[in-house]
All heavy atoms as atom14 arrays in JSON, in Angstrom:
{
  "sequence": "ANGEHYVVRFKTPVDETLHLKDIIRGDIKFETNLLDDKVLYKSDGM",
  "atom14_mask": [
    [1, 1, 1, 1, 1, 0, 0, 0, 0, 0, 0, 0, 0, 0],
    [1, 1, 1, 1, 1, 1, 1, 1, 0, 0, 0, 0, 0, 0],
    [1, 1, 1, 1, 0, 0, 0, 0, 0, 0, 0, 0, 0, 0],
    [1, 1, 1, 1, 1, 1, 1, 1, 1, 0, 0, 0, 0, 0],
    [1, 1, 1, 1, 1, 1, 1, 1, 1, 1, 0, 0, 0, 0],
    [1, 1, 1, 1, 1, 1, 1, 1, 1, 1, 1, 1, 0, 0],
    [1, 1, 1, 1, 1, 1, 1, 0, 0, 0, 0, 0, 0, 0],
    [1, 1, 1, 1, 1, 1, 1, 0, 0, 0, 0, 0, 0, 0],
    [1, 1, 1, 1, 1, 1, 1, 1, 1, 1, 1, 0, 0, 0],
    [1, 1, 1, 1, 1, 1, 1, 1, 1, 1, 1, 0, 0, 0],
    [1, 1, 1, 1, 1, 1, 1, 1, 1, 0, 0, 0, 0, 0],
    [1, 1, 1, 1, 1, 1, 1, 0, 0, 0, 0, 0, 0, 0],
    [1, 1, 1, 1, 1, 1, 1, 0, 0, 0, 0, 0, 0, 0],
    [1, 1, 1, 1, 1, 1, 1, 0, 0, 0, 0, 0, 0, 0],
    [1, 1, 1, 1, 1, 1, 1, 1, 0, 0, 0, 0, 0, 0],
    [1, 1, 1, 1, 1, 1, 1, 1, 1, 0, 0, 0, 0, 0],
    [1, 1, 1, 1, 1, 1, 1, 0, 0, 0, 0, 0, 0, 0],
    [1, 1, 1, 1, 1, 1, 1, 1, 0, 0, 0, 0, 0, 0],
    [1, 1, 1, 1, 1, 1, 1, 1, 1, 1, 0, 0, 0, 0],
    [1, 1, 1, 1, 1, 1, 1, 1, 0, 0, 0, 0, 0, 0],
    [1, 1, 1, 1, 1, 1, 1, 1, 1, 0, 0, 0, 0, 0],
    [1, 1, 1, 1, 1, 1, 1, 1, 0, 0, 0, 0, 0, 0],
    [1, 1, 1, 1, 1, 1, 1, 1, 0, 0, 0, 0, 0, 0],
    [1, 1, 1, 1, 1, 1, 1, 1, 0, 0, 0, 0, 0, 0],
    [1, 1, 1, 1, 1, 1, 1, 1, 1, 1, 1, 0, 0, 0],
    [1, 1, 1, 1, 0, 0, 0, 0, 0, 0, 0, 0, 0, 0],
    [1, 1, 1, 1, 1, 1, 1, 1, 0, 0, 0, 0, 0, 0],
    [1, 1, 1, 1, 1, 1, 1, 1, 0, 0, 0, 0, 0, 0],
    [1, 1, 1, 1, 1, 1, 1, 1, 1, 0, 0, 0, 0, 0],
    [1, 1, 1, 1, 1, 1, 1, 1, 1, 1, 1, 0, 0, 0],
    [1, 1, 1, 1, 1, 1, 1, 1, 1, 0, 0, 0, 0, 0],
    [1, 1, 1, 1, 1, 1, 1, 0, 0, 0, 0, 0, 0, 0],
    [1, 1, 1, 1, 1, 1, 1, 1, 0, 0, 0, 0, 0, 0],
    [1, 1, 1, 1, 1, 1, 1, 1, 0, 0, 0, 0, 0, 0],
    [1, 1, 1, 1, 1, 1, 1, 1, 0, 0, 0, 0, 0, 0],
    [1, 1, 1, 1, 1, 1, 1, 1, 0, 0, 0, 0, 0, 0],
    [1, 1, 1, 1, 1, 1, 1, 1, 0, 0, 0, 0, 0, 0],
    [1, 1, 1, 1, 1, 1, 1, 1, 1, 0, 0, 0, 0, 0],
    [1, 1, 1, 1, 1, 1, 1, 0, 0, 0, 0, 0, 0, 0],
    [1, 1, 1, 1, 1, 1, 1, 1, 0, 0, 0, 0, 0, 0],
    [1, 1, 1, 1, 1, 1, 1, 1, 1, 1, 1, 1, 0, 0],
    [1, 1, 1, 1, 1, 1, 1, 1, 1, 0, 0, 0, 0, 0],
    [1, 1, 1, 1, 1, 1, 0, 0, 0, 0, 0, 0, 0, 0],
    [1, 1, 1, 1, 1, 1, 1, 1, 0, 0, 0, 0, 0, 0],
    [1, 1, 1, 1, 0, 0, 0, 0, 0, 0, 0, 0, 0, 0],
    [1, 1, 1, 1, 1, 1, 1, 1, 0, 0, 0, 0, 0, 0]
  ],
  "atom14_positions": [
    [[-14.37, -9.2, 22.43], [-14.3, -9.77, 23.77], [-15.37, -9.19, 24.68], [-15.88, -9.86, 25.59], [-12.91, -9.54, 24.37], [0.0, 0.0, 0.0], [0.0, 0.0, 0.0], [0.0, 0.0, 0.0], [0.0, 0.0, 0.0], [0.0, 0.0, 0.0], [0.0, 0.0, 0.0], [0.0, 0.0, 0.0], [0.0, 0.0, 0.0], [0.0, 0.0, 0.0]],
    [[-15.74, -7.92, 24.43], [-16.76, -7.25, 25.23], [-18.18, -7.73, 24.87], [-19.16, -7.3, 25.47], [-16.68, -5.74, 25.06], [-15.42, -5.17, 25.7], [-14.8, -5.81, 26.55], [-15.04, -3.95, 25.3], [0.0, 0.0, 0.0], [0.0, 0.0, 0.0], [0.0, 0.0, 0.0], [0.0, 0.0, 0.0], [0.0, 0.0, 0.0], [0.0, 0.0, 0.0]],
    [[-18.26, -8.56, 23.86], [-19.58, -9.11, 23.48], [-20.36, -8.22, 22.52], [-21.56, -8.41, 22.37], [0.0, 0.0, 0.0], [0.0, 0.0, 0.0], [0.0, 0.0, 0.0], [0.0, 0.0, 0.0], [0.0, 0.0, 0.0], [0.0, 0.0, 0.0], [0.0, 0.0, 0.0], [0.0, 0.0, 0.0], [0.0, 0.0, 0.0], [0.0, 0.0, 0.0]],
    [[-19.69, -7.27, 21.88], [-20.4, -6.42, 20.91], [-20.84, -7.27, 19.71], [-20.11, -8.16, 19.26], [-19.49, -5.28, 20.43], [-19.32, -4.16, 21.42], [-18.69, -2.92, 20.79], [-19.1, -2.57, 19.66], [-17.8, -2.33, 21.42], [0.0, 0.0, 0.0], [0.0, 0.0, 0.0], [0.0, 0.0, 0.0], [0.0, 0.0, 0.0], [0.0, 0.0, 0.0]],
    [[-22.0, -6.93, 19.21], [-22.48, -7.63, 18.01], [-21.71, -7.14, 16.81], [-21.42, -5.95, 16.67], [-23.98, -7.39, 17.82], [-24.82, -8.09, 18.84], [-25.01, -9.46, 18.84], [-25.51, -7.62, 19.92], [-25.79, -9.8, 19.85], [-26.11, -8.7, 20.53], [0.0, 0.0, 0.0], [0.0, 0.0, 0.0], [0.0, 0.0, 0.0], [0.0, 0.0, 0.0]],
    [[-21.39, -8.06, 15.93], [-20.67, -7.69, 14.72], [-21.12, -8.61, 13.58], [-21.79, -9.62, 13.79], [-19.15, -7.83, 14.93], [-18.69, -9.25, 15.13], [-18.4, -10.09, 14.04], [-18.54, -9.79, 16.42], [-18.0, -11.39, 14.23], [-18.13, -11.1, 16.61], [-17.86, -11.9, 15.5], [-17.47, -13.2, 15.68], [0.0, 0.0, 0.0], [0.0, 0.0, 0.0]],
    [[-20.71, -8.22, 12.39], [-20.85, -9.09, 11.23], [-19.51, -9.1, 10.52], [-18.69, -8.2, 10.69], [-21.96, -8.61, 10.26], [-23.32, -8.64, 10.94], [-21.66, -7.22, 9.72], [0.0, 0.0, 0.0], [0.0, 0.0, 0.0], [0.0, 0.0, 0.0], [0.0, 0.0, 0.0], [0.0, 0.0, 0.0], [0.0, 0.0, 0.0], [0.0, 0.0, 0.0]],
    [[-19.31, -10.13, 9.73], [-18.13, -10.19, 8.86], [-18.62, -9.87, 7.44], [-19.52, -10.53, 6.93], [-17.46, -11.57, 8.9], [-16.32, -11.64, 7.88], [-16.93, -11.86, 10.3], [0.0, 0.0, 0.0], [0.0, 0.0, 0.0], [0.0, 0.0, 0.0], [0.0, 0.0, 0.0], [0.0, 0.0, 0.0], [0.0, 0.0, 0.0], [0.0, 0.0, 0.0]],
    [[-18.02, -8.83, 6.84], [-18.41, -8.42, 5.48], [-17.3, -8.77, 4.49], [-16.12, -8.74, 4.81], [-18.66, -6.91, 5.42], [-19.95, -6.47, 6.1], [-20.19, -4.97, 5.91], [-21.43, -4.54, 6.53], [-22.62, -4.56, 5.92], [-22.7, -4.98, 4.66], [-23.71, -4.15, 6.56], [0.0, 0.0, 0.0], [0.0, 0.0, 0.0], [0.0, 0.0, 0.0]],
    [[-17.72, -9.08, 3.28], [-16.78, -9.37, 2.2], [-16.21, -8.05, 1.68], [-16.93, -7.08, 1.48], [-17.48, -10.11, 1.06], [-16.56, -10.56, -0.03], [-15.64, -11.56, 0.2], [-16.6, -9.98, -1.29], [-14.78, -12.0, -0.81], [-15.75, -10.39, -2.31], [-14.84, -11.41, -2.06], [0.0, 0.0, 0.0], [0.0, 0.0, 0.0], [0.0, 0.0, 0.0]],
    [[-14.92, -8.01, 1.45], [-14.27, -6.8, 0.94], [-14.18, -6.89, -0.58], [-13.25, -7.46, -1.15], [-12.87, -6.64, 1.55], [-12.22, -5.3, 1.23], [-10.84, -5.2, 1.86], [-10.17, -3.87, 1.52], [-8.8, -3.78, 2.07], [0.0, 0.0, 0.0], [0.0, 0.0, 0.0], [0.0, 0.0, 0.0], [0.0, 0.0, 0.0], [0.0, 0.0, 0.0]],
    [[-15.19, -6.32, -1.24], [-15.28, -6.4, -2.69], [-14.15, -5.6, -3.35], [-13.9, -4.45, -2.97], [-16.64, -5.86, -3.16], [-17.69, -6.51, -2.43], [-16.85, -6.1, -4.65], [0.0, 0.0, 0.0], [0.0, 0.0, 0.0], [0.0, 0.0, 0.0], [0.0, 0.0, 0.0], [0.0, 0.0, 0.0], [0.0, 0.0, 0.0], [0.0, 0.0, 0.0]],
    [[-13.49, -6.18, -4.34], [-12.43, -5.46, -5.04], [-12.97, -4.19, -5.72], [-14.16, -4.1, -6.04], [-11.94, -6.46, -6.08], [-12.37, -7.79, -5.57], [-13.65, -7.55, -4.82], [0.0, 0.0, 0.0], [0.0, 0.0, 0.0], [0.0, 0.0, 0.0], [0.0, 0.0, 0.0], [0.0, 0.0, 0.0], [0.0, 0.0, 0.0], [0.0, 0.0, 0.0]],
    [[-12.07, -3.25, -5.92], [-12.45, -1.95, -6.52], [-11.98, -1.89, -7.97], [-10.96, -2.46, -8.35], [-11.82, -0.8, -5.71], [-12.24, 0.56, -6.26], [-12.21, -0.9, -4.24], [0.0, 0.0, 0.0], [0.0, 0.0, 0.0], [0.0, 0.0, 0.0], [0.0, 0.0, 0.0], [0.0, 0.0, 0.0], [0.0, 0.0, 0.0], [0.0, 0.0, 0.0]],
    [[-12.78, -1.17, -8.79], [-12.42, -0.85, -10.18], [-12.09, -2.09, -11.02], [-11.1, -2.13, -11.75], [-11.21, 0.1, -10.22], [-11.5, 1.44, -9.56], [-12.68, 1.85, -9.56], [-10.56, 2.07, -9.04], [0.0, 0.0, 0.0], [0.0, 0.0, 0.0], [0.0, 0.0, 0.0], [0.0, 0.0, 0.0], [0.0, 0.0, 0.0], [0.0, 0.0, 0.0]],
    [[-12.95, -3.08, -10.9], [-12.71, -4.31, -11.69], [-13.98, -4.67, -12.45], [-15.09, -4.56, -11.93], [-12.3, -5.45, -10.75], [-11.91, -6.71, -11.49], [-11.46, -7.83, -10.55], [-11.1, -7.55, -9.39], [-11.47, -9.0, -11.0], [0.0, 0.0, 0.0], [0.0, 0.0, 0.0], [0.0, 0.0, 0.0], [0.0, 0.0, 0.0], [0.0, 0.0, 0.0]],
    [[-13.8, -5.12, -13.67], [-14.91, -5.65, -14.47], [-14.8, -7.16, -14.48], [-13.79, -7.72, -14.94], [-14.89, -5.13, -15.91], [-14.98, -3.7, -15.89], [-16.05, -5.69, -16.72], [0.0, 0.0, 0.0], [0.0, 0.0, 0.0], [0.0, 0.0, 0.0], [0.0, 0.0, 0.0], [0.0, 0.0, 0.0], [0.0, 0.0, 0.0], [0.0, 0.0, 0.0]],
    [[-15.81, -7.82, -13.94], [-15.82, -9.28, -13.91], [-16.45, -9.82, -15.2], [-17.58, -9.44, -15.55], [-16.62, -9.79, -12.71], [-16.1, -9.41, -11.32], [-17.08, -9.91, -10.25], [-14.72, -9.98, -11.07], [0.0, 0.0, 0.0], [0.0, 0.0, 0.0], [0.0, 0.0, 0.0], [0.0, 0.0, 0.0], [0.0, 0.0, 0.0], [0.0, 0.0, 0.0]],
    [[-15.73, -10.66, -15.88], [-16.26, -11.32, -17.08], [-16.58, -12.77, -16.71], [-15.67, -13.6, -16.6], [-15.24, -11.26, -18.22], [-14.97, -9.86, -18.69], [-15.71, -9.26, -19.68], [-14.04, -8.95, -18.28], [-15.25, -8.02, -19.88], [-14.25, -7.81, -19.05], [0.0, 0.0, 0.0], [0.0, 0.0, 0.0], [0.0, 0.0, 0.0], [0.0, 0.0, 0.0]],
    [[-17.86, -13.04, -16.5], [-18.28, -14.36, -16.02], [-19.06, -15.1, -17.11], [-19.65, -14.48, -17.99], [-19.13, -14.21, -14.77], [-18.51, -13.37, -13.64], [-19.45, -13.3, -12.46], [-17.15, -13.93, -13.22], [0.0, 0.0, 0.0], [0.0, 0.0, 0.0], [0.0, 0.0, 0.0], [0.0, 0.0, 0.0], [0.0, 0.0, 0.0], [0.0, 0.0, 0.0]],
    [[-19.06, -16.41, -16.99], [-19.75, -17.24, -18.0], [-20.84, -18.06, -17.35], [-20.62, -18.72, -16.34], [-18.75, -18.17, -18.7], [-19.38, -18.98, -19.83], [-18.32, -19.71, -20.64], [-18.95, -20.51, -21.8], [-19.71, -19.67, -22.73], [0.0, 0.0, 0.0], [0.0, 0.0, 0.0], [0.0, 0.0, 0.0], [0.0, 0.0, 0.0], [0.0, 0.0, 0.0]],
    [[-22.01, -17.98, -17.95], [-23.17, -18.76, -17.52], [-23.54, -19.69, -18.67], [-23.62, -19.25, -19.82], [-24.33, -17.83, -17.17], [-25.53, -18.58, -16.62], [-26.31, -19.13, -17.42], [-25.71, -18.6, -15.39], [0.0, 0.0, 0.0], [0.0, 0.0, 0.0], [0.0, 0.0, 0.0], [0.0, 0.0, 0.0], [0.0, 0.0, 0.0], [0.0, 0.0, 0.0]],
    [[-23.76, -20.98, -18.37], [-24.05, -21.96, -19.42], [-25.26, -21.56, -20.24], [-25.3, -21.75, -21.46], [-24.25, -23.36, -18.81], [-22.95, -23.84, -18.16], [-24.69, -24.36, -19.88], [-23.09, -25.14, -17.37], [0.0, 0.0, 0.0], [0.0, 0.0, 0.0], [0.0, 0.0, 0.0], [0.0, 0.0, 0.0], [0.0, 0.0, 0.0], [0.0, 0.0, 0.0]],
    [[-26.27, -20.98, -19.59], [-27.51, -20.62, -20.27], [-27.45, -19.21, -20.87], [-27.88, -18.97, -21.99], [-28.7, -20.73, -19.28], [-28.89, -22.18, -18.85], [-29.99, -20.18, -19.91], [-29.85, -22.37, -17.69], [0.0, 0.0, 0.0], [0.0, 0.0, 0.0], [0.0, 0.0, 0.0], [0.0, 0.0, 0.0], [0.0, 0.0, 0.0], [0.0, 0.0, 0.0]],
    [[-26.84, -18.28, -20.15], [-26.89, -16.87, -20.54], [-25.62, -16.36, -21.24], [-25.56, -15.22, -21.67], [-27.18, -16.02, -19.3], [-28.56, -16.34, -18.77], [-28.79, -15.92, -17.34], [-29.97, -16.61, -16.86], [-31.22, -16.25, -17.15], [-31.46, -15.2, -17.89], [-32.25, -16.93, -16.68], [0.0, 0.0, 0.0], [0.0, 0.0, 0.0], [0.0, 0.0, 0.0]],
    [[-24.63, -17.23, -21.31], [-23.41, -16.83, -21.99], [-22.53, -15.93, -21.14], [-22.49, -16.05, -19.91], [0.0, 0.0, 0.0], [0.0, 0.0, 0.0], [0.0, 0.0, 0.0], [0.0, 0.0, 0.0], [0.0, 0.0, 0.0], [0.0, 0.0, 0.0], [0.0, 0.0, 0.0], [0.0, 0.0, 0.0], [0.0, 0.0, 0.0], [0.0, 0.0, 0.0]],
    [[-21.83, -15.0, -21.78], [-20.92, -14.09, -21.07], [-21.7, -12.96, -20.41], [-22.55, -12.33, -21.04], [-19.89, -13.52, -22.05], [-19.0, -14.61, -22.65], [-18.7, -15.56, -21.91], [-18.64, -14.51, -23.83], [0.0, 0.0, 0.0], [0.0, 0.0, 0.0], [0.0, 0.0, 0.0], [0.0, 0.0, 0.0], [0.0, 0.0, 0.0], [0.0, 0.0, 0.0]],
    [[-21.37, -12.7, -19.16], [-22.03, -11.64, -18.39], [-20.96, -10.78, -17.74], [-19.96, -11.29, -17.23], [-22.95, -12.22, -17.29], [-23.87, -13.29, -17.86], [-23.77, -11.11, -16.64], [-24.7, -14.01, -16.82], [0.0, 0.0, 0.0], [0.0, 0.0, 0.0], [0.0, 0.0, 0.0], [0.0, 0.0, 0.0], [0.0, 0.0, 0.0], [0.0, 0.0, 0.0]],
    [[-21.16, -9.46, -17.75], [-20.21, -8.54, -17.14], [-20.8, -7.91, -15.88], [-21.98, -7.57, -15.84], [-19.83, -7.42, -18.11], [-18.96, -7.87, -19.26], [-18.3, -6.68, -19.97], [-19.33, -5.7, -20.5], [-18.68, -4.62, -21.29], [0.0, 0.0, 0.0], [0.0, 0.0, 0.0], [0.0, 0.0, 0.0], [0.0, 0.0, 0.0], [0.0, 0.0, 0.0]],
    [[-19.99, -7.78, -14.86], [-20.37, -7.1, -13.62], [-19.27, -6.12, -13.24], [-18.08, -6.46, -13.31], [-20.56, -8.11, -12.47], [-21.72, -9.05, -12.64], [-21.52, -10.31, -13.2], [-22.99, -8.7, -12.22], [-22.57, -11.2, -13.35], [-24.05, -9.57, -12.37], [-23.85, -10.82, -12.93], [0.0, 0.0, 0.0], [0.0, 0.0, 0.0], [0.0, 0.0, 0.0]],
    [[-19.65, -4.92, -12.83], [-18.7, -3.93, -12.33], [-18.64, -4.04, -10.81], [-19.66, -3.88, -10.13], [-19.13, -2.52, -12.74], [-19.22, -2.3, -14.25], [-17.88, -2.44, -14.94], [-16.83, -2.18, -14.29], [-17.86, -2.82, -16.13], [0.0, 0.0, 0.0], [0.0, 0.0, 0.0], [0.0, 0.0, 0.0], [0.0, 0.0, 0.0], [0.0, 0.0, 0.0]],
    [[-17.47, -4.3, -10.28], [-17.35, -4.5, -8.83], [-17.69, -3.25, -8.04], [-18.14, -3.34, -6.89], [-15.93, -4.96, -8.45], [-14.98, -3.97, -8.87], [-15.6, -6.3, -9.08], [0.0, 0.0, 0.0], [0.0, 0.0, 0.0], [0.0, 0.0, 0.0], [0.0, 0.0, 0.0], [0.0, 0.0, 0.0], [0.0, 0.0, 0.0], [0.0, 0.0, 0.0]],
    [[-17.51, -2.08, -8.64], [-17.81, -0.83, -7.91], [-19.3, -0.68, -7.62], [-19.7, 0.14, -6.78], [-17.32, 0.38, -8.7], [-15.81, 0.52, -8.64], [-15.13, -0.24, -7.95], [-15.27, 1.51, -9.35], [0.0, 0.0, 0.0], [0.0, 0.0, 0.0], [0.0, 0.0, 0.0], [0.0, 0.0, 0.0], [0.0, 0.0, 0.0], [0.0, 0.0, 0.0]],
    [[-20.12, -1.45, -8.33], [-21.58, -1.37, -8.12], [-22.07, -2.41, -7.1], [-23.25, -2.43, -6.76], [-22.31, -1.57, -9.45], [-21.97, -0.56, -10.57], [-22.72, -0.93, -11.85], [-22.33, 0.86, -10.12], [0.0, 0.0, 0.0], [0.0, 0.0, 0.0], [0.0, 0.0, 0.0], [0.0, 0.0, 0.0], [0.0, 0.0, 0.0], [0.0, 0.0, 0.0]],
    [[-21.16, -3.25, -6.63], [-21.54, -4.3, -5.69], [-21.39, -3.83, -4.25], [-20.55, -2.98, -3.96], [-20.66, -5.54, -5.9], [-20.64, -6.13, -7.32], [-19.66, -7.29, -7.39], [-22.04, -6.6, -7.73], [0.0, 0.0, 0.0], [0.0, 0.0, 0.0], [0.0, 0.0, 0.0], [0.0, 0.0, 0.0], [0.0, 0.0, 0.0], [0.0, 0.0, 0.0]],
    [[-22.18, -4.39, -3.36], [-22.03, -4.05, -1.94], [-21.18, -5.11, -1.25], [-20.95, -6.19, -1.78], [-23.4, -3.91, -1.25], [-24.24, -5.17, -1.35], [-23.99, -5.97, -2.26], [-25.15, -5.34, -0.53], [0.0, 0.0, 0.0], [0.0, 0.0, 0.0], [0.0, 0.0, 0.0], [0.0, 0.0, 0.0], [0.0, 0.0, 0.0], [0.0, 0.0, 0.0]],
    [[-20.69, -4.75, -0.08], [-19.9, -5.68, 0.73], [-20.86, -6.54, 1.54], [-21.28, -6.17, 2.65], [-18.95, -4.91, 1.66], [-17.81, -4.24, 0.91], [-17.74, -4.39, -0.33], [-16.99, -3.56, 1.55], [0.0, 0.0, 0.0], [0.0, 0.0, 0.0], [0.0, 0.0, 0.0], [0.0, 0.0, 0.0], [0.0, 0.0, 0.0], [0.0, 0.0, 0.0]],
    [[-21.21, -7.68, 1.0], [-22.23, -8.53, 1.62], [-21.78, -9.07, 2.97], [-20.61, -9.36, 3.2], [-22.55, -9.72, 0.71], [-23.31, -9.37, -0.56], [-24.75, -9.03, -0.27], [-25.54, -8.88, -1.57], [-26.88, -8.32, -1.33], [0.0, 0.0, 0.0], [0.0, 0.0, 0.0], [0.0, 0.0, 0.0], [0.0, 0.0, 0.0], [0.0, 0.0, 0.0]],
    [[-22.77, -9.24, 3.86], [-22.52, -9.88, 5.15], [-22.34, -11.37, 4.91], [-23.16, -12.01, 4.23], [-23.67, -9.62, 6.13], [-23.48, -10.43, 7.41], [-23.81, -8.15, 6.43], [0.0, 0.0, 0.0], [0.0, 0.0, 0.0], [0.0, 0.0, 0.0], [0.0, 0.0, 0.0], [0.0, 0.0, 0.0], [0.0, 0.0, 0.0], [0.0, 0.0, 0.0]],
    [[-21.28, -11.94, 5.48], [-20.98, -13.37, 5.32], [-21.21, -14.16, 6.6], [-21.51, -15.36, 6.54], [-19.53, -13.56, 4.88], [-19.09, -12.89, 3.58], [-17.61, -13.14, 3.34], [-19.91, -13.4, 2.4], [0.0, 0.0, 0.0], [0.0, 0.0, 0.0], [0.0, 0.0, 0.0], [0.0, 0.0, 0.0], [0.0, 0.0, 0.0], [0.0, 0.0, 0.0]],
    [[-21.04, -13.49, 7.73], [-21.06, -14.22, 9.01], [-21.5, -13.26, 10.11], [-21.21, -12.07, 10.05], [-19.64, -14.74, 9.31], [-19.54, -15.72, 10.44], [-19.87, -17.05, 10.27], [-19.08, -15.31, 11.69], [-19.76, -17.96, 11.32], [-18.97, -16.2, 12.75], [-19.32, -17.53, 12.56], [-19.21, -18.43, 13.59], [0.0, 0.0, 0.0], [0.0, 0.0, 0.0]],
    [[-22.24, -13.8, 11.1], [-22.74, -12.96, 12.18], [-22.18, -13.43, 13.52], [-21.79, -14.59, 13.68], [-24.28, -13.02, 12.21], [-24.93, -12.57, 10.9], [-26.42, -12.8, 10.93], [-27.06, -12.45, 9.6], [-28.51, -12.74, 9.57], [0.0, 0.0, 0.0], [0.0, 0.0, 0.0], [0.0, 0.0, 0.0], [0.0, 0.0, 0.0], [0.0, 0.0, 0.0]],
    [[-22.2, -12.53, 14.48], [-21.6, -12.84, 15.79], [-22.37, -13.91, 16.55], [-21.88, -14.45, 17.54], [-21.49, -11.57, 16.64], [-22.76, -10.94, 16.79], [0.0, 0.0, 0.0], [0.0, 0.0, 0.0], [0.0, 0.0, 0.0], [0.0, 0.0, 0.0], [0.0, 0.0, 0.0], [0.0, 0.0, 0.0], [0.0, 0.0, 0.0], [0.0, 0.0, 0.0]],
    [[-23.58, -14.24, 16.1], [-24.33, -15.32, 16.76], [-23.83, -16.69, 16.31], [-24.36, -17.73, 16.73], [-25.83, -15.19, 16.5], [-26.21, -15.32, 15.03], [-25.3, -15.54, 14.18], [-27.4, -15.19, 14.7], [0.0, 0.0, 0.0], [0.0, 0.0, 0.0], [0.0, 0.0, 0.0], [0.0, 0.0, 0.0], [0.0, 0.0, 0.0], [0.0, 0.0, 0.0]],
    [[-22.82, -16.7, 15.43], [-22.22, -17.96, 15.0], [-22.85, -18.56, 13.77], [-22.48, -19.66, 13.34], [0.0, 0.0, 0.0], [0.0, 0.0, 0.0], [0.0, 0.0, 0.0], [0.0, 0.0, 0.0], [0.0, 0.0, 0.0], [0.0, 0.0, 0.0], [0.0, 0.0, 0.0], [0.0, 0.0, 0.0], [0.0, 0.0, 0.0], [0.0, 0.0, 0.0]],
    [[-23.8, -17.86, 13.16], [-24.46, -18.39, 11.96], [-23.96, -17.65, 10.72], [-23.87, -16.43, 10.71], [-25.98, -18.24, 12.07], [-26.61, -19.15, 13.1], [-26.31, -20.93, 12.8], [-27.42, -21.22, 11.43], [0.0, 0.0, 0.0], [0.0, 0.0, 0.0], [0.0, 0.0, 0.0], [0.0, 0.0, 0.0], [0.0, 0.0, 0.0], [0.0, 0.0, 0.0]]
  ]
}
């Protein structure tokens, strides 16, 4: 309400191994603990 600038960040799950499938690359694993909490939205409305 005071007009402070902010961002909305994604809250990445902890201690999880993602097993994902890519049509070209096959099965791919990602460790969520190595991911950052990406910015999704900014206070300027974009």
